[in-house]
Amino acid sequence: MKMPEVRTIARKKGVNAFGKTKEALIREIQKAEQFRDCFNRGESASCGQRHCSWRSDCK
């Protein structure tokens, strides 16, 4: 997913996107969605968050 799309999702969730990297912004969105902020921390195989919106992009 491209950064403009991530920013749009952040706005909808009430997350401030200013000055954040894509990874940091996705982690903030994860918290807003009541998920652990584990995006791209090497835990995708073991995180257990099958309903996370970012799972398919995670490493």
PDB file of N, CA and C in Angstrom:
ATOM      1  N   MET A   1       0.841  -1.171   0.000  1.00  0.00           N
ATOM      2  CA  MET A   1       0.000   0.000   0.000  1.00  0.00           C
ATOM      3  C   MET A   1       0.892   1.242   0.000  1.00  0.00           C
ATOM      4  N   LYS A   2       0.519   2.203  -0.782  1.00  0.00           N
ATOM      5  CA  LYS A   2       1.291   3.437  -0.909  1.00  0.00           C
ATOM      6  C   LYS A   2       0.969   4.398   0.245  1.00  0.00           C
ATOM      7  N   MET A   3       1.904   5.292   0.523  1.00  0.00           N
ATOM      8  CA  MET A   3       1.780   6.220   1.648  1.00  0.00           C
ATOM      9  C   MET A   3       0.511   7.086   1.599  1.00  0.00           C
ATOM     10  N   PRO A   4       0.085   7.614   0.441  1.00  0.00           N
ATOM     11  CA  PRO A   4      -1.152   8.402   0.428  1.00  0.00           C
ATOM     12  C   PRO A   4      -2.368   7.608   0.926  1.00  0.00           C
ATOM     13  N   GLU A   5      -2.401   6.320   0.589  1.00  0.00           N
ATOM     14  CA  GLU A   5      -3.505   5.474   1.061  1.00  0.00           C
ATOM     15  C   GLU A   5      -3.427   5.272   2.575  1.00  0.00           C
ATOM     16  N   VAL A   6      -2.218   5.098   3.078  1.00  0.00           N
ATOM     17  CA  VAL A   6      -2.029   4.918   4.518  1.00  0.00           C
ATOM     18  C   VAL A   6      -2.446   6.205   5.252  1.00  0.00           C
ATOM     19  N   ARG A   7      -2.084   7.353   4.709  1.00  0.00           N
ATOM     20  CA  ARG A   7      -2.484   8.637   5.322  1.00  0.00           C
ATOM     21  C   ARG A   7      -4.006   8.794   5.350  1.00  0.00           C
ATOM     22  N   THR A   8      -4.670   8.370   4.297  1.00  0.00           N
ATOM     23  CA  THR A   8      -6.136   8.445   4.248  1.00  0.00           C
ATOM     24  C   THR A   8      -6.752   7.588   5.343  1.00  0.00           C
ATOM     25  N   ILE A   9      -6.237   6.398   5.515  1.00  0.00           N
ATOM     26  CA  ILE A   9      -6.730   5.513   6.566  1.00  0.00           C
ATOM     27  C   ILE A   9      -6.457   6.127   7.938  1.00  0.00           C
ATOM     28  N   ALA A  10      -5.284   6.709   8.106  1.00  0.00           N
ATOM     29  CA  ALA A  10      -4.938   7.350   9.381  1.00  0.00           C
ATOM     30  C   ALA A  10      -5.925   8.462   9.710  1.00  0.00           C
ATOM     31  N   ARG A  11      -6.235   9.293   8.736  1.00  0.00           N
ATOM     32  CA  ARG A  11      -7.199  10.387   8.966  1.00  0.00           C
ATOM     33  C   ARG A  11      -8.545   9.831   9.413  1.00  0.00           C
ATOM     34  N   LYS A  12      -8.997   8.777   8.760  1.00  0.00           N
ATOM     35  CA  LYS A  12     -10.286   8.166   9.111  1.00  0.00           C
ATOM     36  C   LYS A  12     -10.280   7.614  10.534  1.00  0.00           C
ATOM     37  N   LYS A  13      -9.124   7.178  11.008  1.00  0.00           N
ATOM     38  CA  LYS A  13      -8.995   6.613  12.353  1.00  0.00           C
ATOM     39  C   LYS A  13      -8.644   7.674  13.396  1.00  0.00           C
ATOM     40  N   GLY A  14      -8.446   8.918  12.949  1.00  0.00           N
ATOM     41  CA  GLY A  14      -8.099   9.994  13.879  1.00  0.00           C
ATOM     42  C   GLY A  14      -6.641  10.012  14.291  1.00  0.00           C
ATOM     43  N   VAL A  15      -5.776   9.443  13.449  1.00  0.00           N
ATOM     44  CA  VAL A  15      -4.344   9.363  13.735  1.00  0.00           C
ATOM     45  C   VAL A  15      -3.617  10.463  12.968  1.00  0.00           C
ATOM     46  N   ASN A  16      -2.771  11.216  13.657  1.00  0.00           N
ATOM     47  CA  ASN A  16      -1.992  12.272  13.033  1.00  0.00           C
ATOM     48  C   ASN A  16      -0.846  11.654  12.232  1.00  0.00           C
ATOM     49  N   ALA A  17      -0.789  11.950  10.948  1.00  0.00           N
ATOM     50  CA  ALA A  17       0.211  11.357  10.064  1.00  0.00           C
ATOM     51  C   ALA A  17       1.439  12.235   9.873  1.00  0.00           C
ATOM     52  N   PHE A  18       1.421  13.448  10.377  1.00  0.00           N
ATOM     53  CA  PHE A  18       2.493  14.408  10.120  1.00  0.00           C
ATOM     54  C   PHE A  18       3.846  13.916  10.629  1.00  0.00           C
ATOM     55  N   GLY A  19       4.822  13.894   9.729  1.00  0.00           N
ATOM     56  CA  GLY A  19       6.204  13.597  10.076  1.00  0.00           C
ATOM     57  C   GLY A  19       6.507  12.151  10.429  1.00  0.00           C
ATOM     58  N   LYS A  20       5.610  11.244  10.154  1.00  0.00           N
ATOM     59  CA  LYS A  20       5.830   9.842  10.502  1.00  0.00           C
ATOM     60  C   LYS A  20       6.205   9.033   9.270  1.00  0.00           C
ATOM     61  N   THR A  21       7.053   8.050   9.487  1.00  0.00           N
ATOM     62  CA  THR A  21       7.378   7.118   8.409  1.00  0.00           C
ATOM     63  C   THR A  21       6.171   6.216   8.186  1.00  0.00           C
ATOM     64  N   LYS A  22       6.183   5.493   7.110  1.00  0.00           N
ATOM     65  CA  LYS A  22       5.080   4.587   6.796  1.00  0.00           C
ATOM     66  C   LYS A  22       4.924   3.543   7.900  1.00  0.00           C
ATOM     67  N   GLU A  23       6.027   2.958   8.340  1.00  0.00           N
ATOM     68  CA  GLU A  23       5.961   1.950   9.391  1.00  0.00           C
ATOM     69  C   GLU A  23       5.411   2.525  10.691  1.00  0.00           C
ATOM     70  N   ALA A  24       5.895   3.692  11.082  1.00  0.00           N
ATOM     71  CA  ALA A  24       5.432   4.319  12.324  1.00  0.00           C
ATOM     72  C   ALA A  24       3.952   4.659  12.237  1.00  0.00           C
ATOM     73  N   LEU A  25       3.518   5.132  11.089  1.00  0.00           N
ATOM     74  CA  LEU A  25       2.119   5.486  10.907  1.00  0.00           C
ATOM     75  C   LEU A  25       1.225   4.247  10.961  1.00  0.00           C
ATOM     76  N   ILE A  26       1.638   3.183  10.320  1.00  0.00           N
ATOM     77  CA  ILE A  26       0.857   1.943  10.359  1.00  0.00           C
ATOM     78  C   ILE A  26       0.775   1.420  11.790  1.00  0.00           C
ATOM     79  N   ARG A  27       1.855   1.525  12.541  1.00  0.00           N
ATOM     80  CA  ARG A  27       1.824   1.078  13.943  1.00  0.00           C
ATOM     81  C   ARG A  27       0.848   1.917  14.770  1.00  0.00           C
ATOM     82  N   GLU A  28       0.782   3.216  14.502  1.00  0.00           N
ATOM     83  CA  GLU A  28      -0.189   4.067  15.194  1.00  0.00           C
ATOM     84  C   GLU A  28      -1.622   3.666  14.825  1.00  0.00           C
ATOM     85  N   ILE A  29      -1.823   3.348  13.558  1.00  0.00           N
ATOM     86  CA  ILE A  29      -3.149   2.896  13.114  1.00  0.00           C
ATOM     87  C   ILE A  29      -3.486   1.570  13.790  1.00  0.00           C
ATOM     88  N   GLN A  30      -2.512   0.674  13.891  1.00  0.00           N
ATOM     89  CA  GLN A  30      -2.746  -0.599  14.568  1.00  0.00           C
ATOM     90  C   GLN A  30      -3.234  -0.370  15.998  1.00  0.00           C
ATOM     91  N   LYS A  31      -2.605   0.550  16.701  1.00  0.00           N
ATOM     92  CA  LYS A  31      -3.023   0.846  18.076  1.00  0.00           C
ATOM     93  C   LYS A  31      -4.446   1.397  18.104  1.00  0.00           C
ATOM     94  N   ALA A  32      -4.757   2.273  17.150  1.00  0.00           N
ATOM     95  CA  ALA A  32      -6.103   2.847  17.079  1.00  0.00           C
ATOM     96  C   ALA A  32      -7.154   1.773  16.793  1.00  0.00           C
ATOM     97  N   GLU A  33      -6.740   0.714  16.106  1.00  0.00           N
ATOM     98  CA  GLU A  33      -7.641  -0.397  15.787  1.00  0.00           C
ATOM     99  C   GLU A  33      -7.645  -1.479  16.870  1.00  0.00           C
ATOM    100  N   GLN A  34      -6.983  -1.208  17.992  1.00  0.00           N
ATOM    101  CA  GLN A  34      -6.904  -2.142  19.124  1.00  0.00           C
ATOM    102  C   GLN A  34      -6.077  -3.393  18.832  1.00  0.00           C
ATOM    103  N   PHE A  35      -5.058  -3.237  17.989  1.00  0.00           N
ATOM    104  CA  PHE A  35      -4.110  -4.318  17.722  1.00  0.00           C
ATOM    105  C   PHE A  35      -2.752  -3.930  18.296  1.00  0.00           C
ATOM    106  N   ARG A  36      -1.890  -4.922  18.498  1.00  0.00           N
ATOM    107  CA  ARG A  36      -0.507  -4.639  18.904  1.00  0.00           C
ATOM    108  C   ARG A  36       0.180  -3.898  17.768  1.00  0.00           C
ATOM    109  N   ASP A  37       1.066  -2.979  18.094  1.00  0.00           N
ATOM    110  CA  ASP A  37       1.790  -2.203  17.074  1.00  0.00           C
ATOM    111  C   ASP A  37       3.065  -2.948  16.669  1.00  0.00           C
ATOM    112  N   CYS A  38       2.865  -4.027  15.916  1.00  0.00           N
ATOM    113  CA  CYS A  38       3.981  -4.918  15.578  1.00  0.00           C
ATOM    114  C   CYS A  38       4.341  -4.918  14.092  1.00  0.00           C
ATOM    115  N   PHE A  39       3.821  -3.998  13.317  1.00  0.00           N
ATOM    116  CA  PHE A  39       4.050  -3.998  11.871  1.00  0.00           C
ATOM    117  C   PHE A  39       5.539  -4.006  11.531  1.00  0.00           C
ATOM    118  N   ASN A  40       5.947  -4.969  10.715  1.00  0.00           N
ATOM    119  CA  ASN A  40       7.326  -5.131  10.215  1.00  0.00           C
ATOM    120  C   ASN A  40       8.370  -5.252  11.318  1.00  0.00           C
ATOM    121  N   ARG A  41       7.996  -5.909  12.401  1.00  0.00           N
ATOM    122  CA  ARG A  41       8.961  -6.152  13.471  1.00  0.00           C
ATOM    123  C   ARG A  41       9.401  -7.611  13.479  1.00  0.00           C
ATOM    124  N   GLY A  42       9.153  -8.308  12.370  1.00  0.00           N
ATOM    125  CA  GLY A  42       9.582  -9.693  12.229  1.00  0.00           C
ATOM    126  C   GLY A  42       8.708 -10.687  12.978  1.00  0.00           C
ATOM    127  N   GLU A  43       7.484 -10.277  13.303  1.00  0.00           N
ATOM    128  CA  GLU A  43       6.600 -11.138  14.079  1.00  0.00           C
ATOM    129  C   GLU A  43       5.391 -11.628  13.289  1.00  0.00           C
ATOM    130  N   SER A  44       5.363 -11.429  12.004  1.00  0.00           N
ATOM    131  CA  SER A  44       4.157 -11.730  11.225  1.00  0.00           C
ATOM    132  C   SER A  44       3.736 -13.197  11.300  1.00  0.00           C
ATOM    133  N   ALA A  45       4.678 -14.092  11.428  1.00  0.00           N
ATOM    134  CA  ALA A  45       4.338 -15.515  11.498  1.00  0.00           C
ATOM    135  C   ALA A  45       3.818 -15.923  12.871  1.00  0.00           C
ATOM    136  N   SER A  46       4.111 -15.112  13.889  1.00  0.00           N
ATOM    137  CA  SER A  46       3.747 -15.508  15.248  1.00  0.00           C
ATOM    138  C   SER A  46       2.900 -14.486  16.000  1.00  0.00           C
ATOM    139  N   CYS A  47       2.472 -13.424  15.358  1.00  0.00           N
ATOM    140  CA  CYS A  47       1.766 -12.364  16.084  1.00  0.00           C
ATOM    141  C   CYS A  47       0.357 -12.770  16.514  1.00  0.00           C
ATOM    142  N   GLY A  48      -0.280 -13.664  15.765  1.00  0.00           N
ATOM    143  CA  GLY A  48      -1.599 -14.136  16.132  1.00  0.00           C
ATOM    144  C   GLY A  48      -2.737 -13.167  15.835  1.00  0.00           C
ATOM    145  N   GLN A  49      -2.465 -12.096  15.160  1.00  0.00           N
ATOM    146  CA  GLN A  49      -3.479 -11.088  14.852  1.00  0.00           C
ATOM    147  C   GLN A  49      -3.990 -11.293  13.422  1.00  0.00           C
ATOM    148  N   ARG A  50      -4.759 -12.320  13.232  1.00  0.00           N
ATOM    149  CA  ARG A  50      -5.212 -12.696  11.897  1.00  0.00           C
ATOM    150  C   ARG A  50      -6.147 -11.687  11.251  1.00  0.00           C
ATOM    151  N   HIS A  51      -6.800 -10.846  12.037  1.00  0.00           N
ATOM    152  CA  HIS A  51      -7.751  -9.880  11.493  1.00  0.00           C
ATOM    153  C   HIS A  51      -7.144  -8.488  11.311  1.00  0.00           C
ATOM    154  N   CYS A  52      -5.854  -8.369  11.482  1.00  0.00           N
ATOM    155  CA  CYS A  52      -5.174  -7.087  11.309  1.00  0.00           C
ATOM    156  C   CYS A  52      -5.205  -6.688   9.825  1.00  0.00           C
ATOM    157  N   SER A  53      -5.523  -5.439   9.568  1.00  0.00           N
ATOM    158  CA  SER A  53      -5.616  -4.925   8.192  1.00  0.00           C
ATOM    159  C   SER A  53      -4.280  -4.946   7.462  1.00  0.00           C
ATOM    160  N   TRP A  54      -3.175  -4.985   8.195  1.00  0.00           N
ATOM    161  CA  TRP A  54      -1.846  -4.846   7.602  1.00  0.00           C
ATOM    162  C   TRP A  54      -1.127  -6.168   7.464  1.00  0.00           C
ATOM    163  N   ARG A  55      -1.754  -7.246   7.849  1.00  0.00           N
ATOM    164  CA  ARG A  55      -1.103  -8.559   7.876  1.00  0.00           C
ATOM    165  C   ARG A  55      -0.466  -8.945   6.540  1.00  0.00           C
ATOM    166  N   SER A  56      -1.139  -8.682   5.440  1.00  0.00           N
ATOM    167  CA  SER A  56      -0.610  -9.095   4.135  1.00  0.00           C
ATOM    168  C   SER A  56       0.644  -8.303   3.730  1.00  0.00           C
ATOM    169  N   ASP A  57       0.840  -7.110   4.293  1.00  0.00           N
ATOM    170  CA  ASP A  57       2.015  -6.286   3.983  1.00  0.00           C
ATOM    171  C   ASP A  57       3.139  -6.456   4.993  1.00  0.00           C
ATOM    172  N   CYS A  58       2.865  -7.152   6.075  1.00  0.00           N
ATOM    173  CA  CYS A  58       3.809  -7.256   7.183  1.00  0.00           C
ATOM    174  C   CYS A  58       4.904  -8.269   6.897  1.00  0.00           C
ATOM    175  N   LYS A  59       6.063  -8.011   7.501  1.00  0.00           N
ATOM    176  CA  LYS A  59       7.226  -8.918   7.369  1.00  0.00           C
ATOM    177  C   LYS A  59       7.558  -9.495   8.727  1.00  0.00           C
TER     178      LYS A  59
END
